[in-house]
Amino acid sequence: MTKALRRMWLPVLIIVAVVAGGLMVMNVRKVFGSNPVVVTDKSSDNAEDFNPKIVKYEIFGSGATAVINYMDLEGKPQRVPSTPLPWTLTLQTTLPSVMPNIMAQGDGDSIGCRVTVDDEVKQERTATGMNAETFCFVKAA
């Protein structure tokens, strides 16, 4: 009998440990895995799933024309030479954040700029003086 116990104690101990571990895992899953898994219809990796941002640049003033420099929504500089006032540009993006920036110099006594994101005015400035110039910069929109 002692010879059989010497040979069998290790396999019996392994079986008891495996059964005890299995019972512990089942009990832990009941506690922590009790919430159902949330499944969405669409993958959130698609840009179409986001609401697009609408950025609107506006330049206005007392002069007839202005030279306008602005950053597009990809951060590339753009220039519009001698454009009639008032001037408006509307851009759309699905980027999570943008940094709108616009500068203008007019041929009149006053000039103003306005940056609107999703129909909310983020910045507006007006400058006066001969050949007035102004800028609007939004750090994050």
Protein backbone atom coordinates (compact mmCIF):
# COMPACT_ATOMS: atom_id res chain seq x y z
CA MET A 1 0.00 0.00 0.00
CA THR A 2 2.78 2.47 0.81
CA LYS A 3 4.45 1.54 -2.45
CA ALA A 4 1.24 2.48 -4.36
CA LEU A 5 0.94 5.77 -2.44
CA ARG A 6 4.54 6.64 -3.27
CA ARG A 7 3.83 6.18 -6.97
CA MET A 8 0.38 7.80 -7.06
CA TRP A 9 0.68 10.88 -4.83
CA LEU A 10 2.19 13.15 -7.53
CA PRO A 11 -0.39 12.38 -10.31
CA VAL A 12 -3.23 12.72 -7.76
CA LEU A 13 -1.83 16.08 -6.61
CA ILE A 14 -1.64 17.31 -10.24
CA ILE A 15 -5.26 16.29 -10.90
CA VAL A 16 -6.45 18.02 -7.70
CA ALA A 17 -4.54 21.19 -8.64
CA VAL A 18 -5.99 21.24 -12.17
CA VAL A 19 -9.56 20.72 -10.89
CA ALA A 20 -9.13 23.43 -8.21
CA GLY A 21 -7.71 25.85 -10.81
CA GLY A 22 -10.61 25.17 -13.17
CA LEU A 23 -13.15 25.86 -10.42
CA MET A 24 -11.38 29.11 -9.54
CA VAL A 25 -11.39 30.27 -13.17
CA MET A 26 -15.11 29.50 -13.51
CA ASN A 27 -15.91 31.51 -10.35
CA VAL A 28 -13.75 34.46 -11.45
CA ARG A 29 -15.44 34.52 -14.87
CA LYS A 30 -18.86 34.68 -13.19
CA VAL A 31 -17.80 37.81 -11.30
CA PHE A 32 -15.76 39.69 -13.94
CA GLY A 33 -17.34 38.39 -17.14
CA SER A 34 -20.93 39.08 -16.13
CA ASN A 35 -21.38 42.11 -18.42
CA PRO A 36 -22.39 41.33 -22.00
CA VAL A 37 -19.96 42.14 -24.79
CA VAL A 38 -20.77 45.37 -26.64
CA VAL A 39 -20.93 44.87 -30.41
CA THR A 40 -21.19 47.84 -32.76
CA ASP A 41 -22.62 47.74 -36.27
CA LYS A 42 -19.78 49.65 -37.90
CA SER A 43 -16.06 49.69 -37.45
CA SER A 44 -14.90 52.93 -35.82
CA ASP A 45 -11.76 52.89 -37.96
CA ASN A 46 -13.61 54.36 -40.94
CA ALA A 47 -13.41 58.12 -41.45
CA GLU A 48 -17.04 58.13 -42.62
CA ASP A 49 -18.17 57.27 -39.08
CA PHE A 50 -16.99 60.64 -37.72
CA ASN A 51 -18.90 63.89 -37.94
CA PRO A 52 -16.98 66.13 -40.32
CA LYS A 53 -15.65 69.49 -39.10
CA ILE A 54 -16.71 72.50 -41.13
CA VAL A 55 -14.15 75.32 -40.98
CA LYS A 56 -15.11 78.68 -42.47
CA TYR A 57 -12.63 81.50 -43.13
CA GLU A 58 -14.01 85.03 -43.63
CA ILE A 59 -12.22 88.27 -44.53
CA PHE A 60 -14.10 91.59 -44.59
CA GLY A 61 -13.15 95.23 -44.56
CA SER A 62 -13.48 98.72 -45.98
CA GLY A 63 -11.09 98.24 -48.90
CA ALA A 64 -11.84 96.77 -52.30
CA THR A 65 -9.25 93.96 -52.29
CA ALA A 66 -6.99 92.03 -49.96
CA VAL A 67 -4.05 89.63 -50.12
CA ILE A 68 -4.94 86.53 -48.09
CA ASN A 69 -2.64 83.81 -46.75
CA TYR A 70 -4.11 80.82 -44.94
CA MET A 71 -3.28 77.28 -43.89
CA ASP A 72 -5.46 74.59 -45.37
CA LEU A 73 -6.67 71.84 -43.03
CA GLU A 74 -3.66 69.67 -43.88
CA GLY A 75 -1.29 72.43 -42.71
CA LYS A 76 -0.16 73.54 -46.17
CA PRO A 77 0.14 77.31 -46.79
CA GLN A 78 -2.13 78.82 -49.44
CA ARG A 79 -2.16 82.33 -50.97
CA VAL A 80 -4.97 84.27 -52.61
CA PRO A 81 -3.58 87.42 -54.27
CA SER A 82 -5.75 90.54 -54.67
CA THR A 83 -9.17 89.06 -54.07
CA PRO A 84 -12.30 91.23 -53.78
CA LEU A 85 -13.80 91.74 -50.31
CA PRO A 86 -15.72 90.25 -48.59
CA TRP A 87 -14.08 86.83 -49.07
CA THR A 88 -15.23 83.47 -47.67
CA LEU A 89 -13.81 79.95 -47.85
CA THR A 90 -15.45 76.84 -46.38
CA LEU A 91 -13.41 73.68 -45.79
CA GLN A 92 -14.49 70.27 -44.49
CA THR A 93 -12.43 67.54 -42.81
CA THR A 94 -12.78 64.35 -40.79
CA LEU A 95 -9.57 64.99 -38.85
CA PRO A 96 -10.13 64.96 -35.07
CA SER A 97 -8.40 68.33 -34.62
CA VAL A 98 -7.32 71.18 -36.88
CA MET A 99 -5.44 74.49 -36.42
CA PRO A 100 -7.07 77.12 -38.63
CA ASN A 101 -4.83 80.10 -39.39
CA ILE A 102 -5.48 83.04 -41.72
CA MET A 103 -3.74 86.38 -42.41
CA ALA A 104 -4.89 89.22 -44.61
CA GLN A 105 -3.78 92.69 -45.68
CA GLY A 106 -6.22 95.00 -47.40
CA ASP A 107 -6.00 98.20 -49.39
CA GLY A 108 -8.45 100.07 -47.13
CA ASP A 109 -8.49 101.58 -43.65
CA SER A 110 -9.89 98.52 -41.86
CA ILE A 111 -9.86 94.76 -42.29
CA GLY A 112 -11.23 91.91 -40.23
CA CYS A 113 -11.05 88.15 -40.12
CA ARG A 114 -13.28 85.47 -38.62
CA VAL A 115 -12.75 81.73 -38.16
CA THR A 116 -15.86 79.64 -37.59
CA VAL A 117 -15.78 75.90 -36.75
CA ASP A 118 -19.06 73.99 -36.90
CA ASP A 119 -21.06 77.27 -36.89
CA GLU A 120 -19.28 78.51 -33.74
CA VAL A 121 -17.06 81.61 -34.01
CA LYS A 122 -13.66 80.59 -32.63
CA GLN A 123 -11.83 83.85 -33.30
CA GLU A 124 -12.55 87.26 -34.79
CA ARG A 125 -10.23 90.26 -35.12
CA THR A 126 -10.39 93.67 -36.75
CA ALA A 127 -7.50 96.02 -37.46
CA THR A 128 -7.47 99.64 -38.61
CA GLY A 129 -4.85 101.82 -40.27
CA MET A 130 -3.46 102.46 -43.71
CA ASN A 131 -3.28 99.14 -45.61
CA ALA A 132 -4.48 97.39 -42.47
CA GLU A 133 -3.52 93.78 -41.81
CA THR A 134 -4.91 91.21 -39.41
CA PHE A 135 -4.76 87.53 -38.55
CA CYS A 136 -6.90 84.87 -36.86
CA PHE A 137 -5.37 81.73 -35.35
CA VAL A 138 -7.21 78.95 -33.54
CA LYS A 139 -4.89 76.62 -31.61
CA ALA A 140 -7.23 73.64 -31.61
CA ALA A 141 -10.65 73.12 -33.13
